[in-house]
Amino acid sequence: MFKRLFTAAIVFGIAATAPPAMAQQVTCALRDNVVQQLSGKYSEQLTGAGIQNSRRYIEVWAAPRTGTFTVLLTRPDGISCIIAAGNNWHQKPLDATAGDTPS
């Protein structure tokens, strides 16, 4: 009986302390520090960027050789947050004739 209670306590204790499966951690730091890590540790380079609104600048960093990529959101105060990262990045060539179409 003691073994069963002990085993149940261990199982439920581990389950209760485990992080939620869908929890997502957002990492933020000064943009220069984030960029230094992306370029130095992961060999990623800036592949595209744009202004989302007056308070958000979005950047996509990628490493063509390894296929890793990172999406950054930078605020006006110089803090960048990693909002997405992954593998198997592929770059689609831009269509040169599409430049005449307003966005």
Protein backbone atom coordinates (compact mmCIF):
# COMPACT_ATOMS: atom_id res chain seq x y z
CA MET A 1 0.00 0.00 0.00
CA PHE A 2 2.80 2.40 0.90
CA LYS A 3 4.48 1.81 -2.48
CA ARG A 4 1.28 2.71 -4.34
CA LEU A 5 0.76 5.91 -2.36
CA PHE A 6 4.40 6.88 -2.79
CA THR A 7 4.31 6.22 -6.55
CA ALA A 8 1.05 8.16 -6.95
CA ALA A 9 2.51 11.09 -4.98
CA ILE A 10 5.60 11.16 -7.20
CA VAL A 11 3.60 10.96 -10.45
CA PHE A 12 1.13 13.66 -9.46
CA GLY A 13 3.91 15.81 -7.99
CA ILE A 14 5.84 15.73 -11.27
CA ALA A 15 2.69 16.43 -13.27
CA ALA A 16 1.78 19.37 -11.05
CA THR A 17 5.21 21.00 -11.35
CA ALA A 18 5.67 20.47 -15.10
CA PRO A 19 5.28 23.57 -17.28
CA PRO A 20 2.20 23.78 -19.50
CA ALA A 21 2.74 22.16 -22.88
CA MET A 22 1.61 25.22 -24.81
CA ALA A 23 3.58 27.77 -22.77
CA GLN A 24 5.71 30.01 -24.94
CA GLN A 25 8.61 31.97 -23.58
CA VAL A 26 9.28 35.37 -25.11
CA THR A 27 12.90 36.49 -24.87
CA CYS A 28 13.60 40.24 -24.89
CA ALA A 29 16.83 42.20 -24.64
CA LEU A 30 18.58 45.21 -26.14
CA ARG A 31 18.50 44.88 -29.92
CA ASP A 32 22.30 45.02 -30.23
CA ASN A 33 22.65 42.07 -27.83
CA VAL A 34 20.02 40.01 -29.66
CA VAL A 35 21.57 40.74 -33.07
CA GLN A 36 25.02 39.83 -31.75
CA GLN A 37 23.69 36.43 -30.64
CA LEU A 38 21.82 35.80 -33.90
CA SER A 39 24.79 36.65 -36.10
CA GLY A 40 27.53 35.20 -33.88
CA LYS A 41 26.02 32.04 -32.44
CA TYR A 42 23.56 31.12 -35.21
CA SER A 43 25.18 32.78 -38.27
CA GLU A 44 21.85 34.43 -39.07
CA GLN A 45 21.67 37.58 -41.13
CA LEU A 46 18.94 40.13 -41.73
CA THR A 47 16.81 38.96 -44.66
CA GLY A 48 13.85 41.32 -44.44
CA ALA A 49 12.21 43.96 -42.29
CA GLY A 50 9.28 46.32 -42.16
CA ILE A 51 7.38 48.75 -39.97
CA GLN A 52 4.21 47.22 -38.55
CA ASN A 53 3.08 50.46 -36.92
CA SER A 54 4.62 53.44 -35.14
CA ARG A 55 5.57 51.23 -32.19
CA ARG A 56 6.71 48.00 -33.87
CA TYR A 57 9.51 47.17 -36.28
CA ILE A 58 9.55 43.55 -37.50
CA GLU A 59 12.74 41.82 -38.71
CA VAL A 60 13.39 38.36 -40.12
CA TRP A 61 16.87 36.93 -39.57
CA ALA A 62 17.90 33.69 -41.26
CA ALA A 63 20.90 31.45 -41.87
CA PRO A 64 20.76 30.06 -45.42
CA ARG A 65 23.35 27.36 -44.67
CA THR A 66 21.62 25.89 -41.59
CA GLY A 67 18.03 26.91 -42.34
CA THR A 68 17.38 28.50 -38.95
CA PHE A 69 15.34 31.70 -38.73
CA THR A 70 14.23 34.20 -36.11
CA VAL A 71 11.51 36.85 -36.19
CA LEU A 72 12.18 39.92 -34.03
CA LEU A 73 9.84 42.64 -32.87
CA THR A 74 11.71 45.83 -31.92
CA ARG A 75 10.12 48.57 -29.85
CA PRO A 76 11.00 52.30 -29.95
CA ASP A 77 12.98 51.94 -26.71
CA GLY A 78 15.49 49.63 -28.45
CA ILE A 79 14.27 46.41 -26.86
CA SER A 80 13.86 43.48 -29.26
CA CYS A 81 11.75 40.42 -28.52
CA ILE A 82 12.03 37.09 -30.30
CA ILE A 83 8.47 36.31 -31.33
CA ALA A 84 9.18 33.27 -33.51
CA ALA A 85 12.08 30.98 -34.40
CA GLY A 86 12.41 27.78 -36.34
CA ASN A 87 14.14 25.60 -38.91
CA ASN A 88 13.95 24.83 -42.63
CA TRP A 89 13.88 28.47 -43.76
CA HIS A 90 13.84 28.96 -47.52
CA GLN A 91 13.99 32.26 -49.32
CA LYS A 92 11.64 32.84 -52.22
CA PRO A 93 13.13 35.03 -54.96
CA LEU A 94 11.31 38.32 -55.41
CA ASP A 95 9.48 38.95 -58.67
CA ALA A 96 11.07 42.03 -60.27
CA THR A 97 7.83 42.95 -62.08
CA ALA A 98 5.82 43.03 -58.86
CA GLY A 99 7.47 46.30 -57.78
CA ASP A 100 4.87 48.39 -59.65
CA THR A 101 2.00 47.14 -57.49
CA PRO A 102 1.16 49.35 -54.50
CA SER A 103 1.06 47.56 -51.17
